[in-house]
Amino acid sequence: MSNRLRESRARLVAAAVALAILLAVVLVAGLGPGVIVGGDNSGPSVESVSGETIVTISYTDAAGTAQTATVSGVDPALSNPEHDWAIVDRSSLPSALQAVDDGPAHDVVGFGERALVGATETATVPIDGTTLTVVVPAGRGVDPDRKVGFVEAFAGPYSLSGDTDSVVLVSVPDTFPNRGLMYADDRGYVTTESFWDGDAHSVWIHEYIHARQDFRTADSMTWFREASARYLSQRFMQEQYDGVTKSDVRAALAGRSENTDVTLANRTTWAGTNSHYHAGARLLAAIDAEIRAASEGKHTLVDVFRAMNAEDKPVTVERFVELVERRTESDQSWISDAIEGDRPIPERYE
């Protein structure tokens, strides 16, 4: 086993012990049901990863036998033999390694169609009834403790509920096609090394919010997934981080004038673009402002998000408006008109 993998595993064990102690303290203090952390660590473990375009993975199987697997056609930007890791297609791994891609304990972390194999640094925190784990390939220069700390500090104060058991975010090189992406199993990646995008947005919080979206939507509400992740990430940053002001959020919301022709309910008007991110975020900002004003600050869009997570059926435009009206206790039919393109999306942020 390489020194880096030994160090990586030692750090993982230390982090798990610390988290277990923290969980015990929380349970004793009676602060809630807590989070189940850990699990069965039996199974294969990776000993070393070498090569760039042709990657050789040396590992010990569950029976303790030394094994070797070779993966060809690896993007050299996604492998680092100096630091003992590579990101490969999941399907290219032997079945013994594919079977343990449920977490960093065995040096294999699956996300989407990819898997990070080898030495990593990880950090895990309990947050809003779930756990968040950030996994960073060794030597990448991203501190996982700081990343989970930021998400916990800035998104943790908001209860989003849902049935999310755990969230895993993997820090990857920027050769991936998106700045961030969350998959259906609540595992995703982020290419941005900094936590804050420098305006009013955080990709890290954006992808975390995606993982907490346990609702289903009707086709006319598909836009809500990206729009809510964008708007709420901006809102959380403005409310929790001194570096983001209301003026920053207003500027971010108003900064995409090319999106004025988007009809949110009709995905053909924004398919293949990110116009629904921005037009939808502007609408959600206006809806949030209305909720806050009508309820005298007792309710926000987060309450609607949480209510959507509790819905058994796909959320339609009509049902979304109803959930908003429960918080405002007043008619909000203008929302359906804005979603369906019958009236302009107002610009309002409070």
Foldseek 3Di string as FASTA:
>chain_A
DDPLQVVLLVLVVVQQVVQVVVQVVCVVVVVDPGADDDDDLQFKAWDFWDDAQKIKTWIQGNVRHIDIAIDHRFHSLQDDRVQGKGKDFLVRDDPRLNVPLPDPSRQWHDADRIIIHTGWHKHWDDAQQEIEMEIERPPPPADRVVLSVVLCQLVRVFRLDFDQHYAYEYAGAPVDPDQKDADPNRYIYHPDRDQDPQFQAGVSQLSNVLSSQQFAADLLCPLVSLQVSGLVRSVSCCVRPPSYHPVSSLCQLPVCPVLFPDQSRDCVRAPPHNSSNRQSNQLQQVLQVLLCVLQVNPDGVSQLSSVSSVDPDHQYQVNSQVSSCVSNVDHDVVSVCCNRVVDTRDGDHD
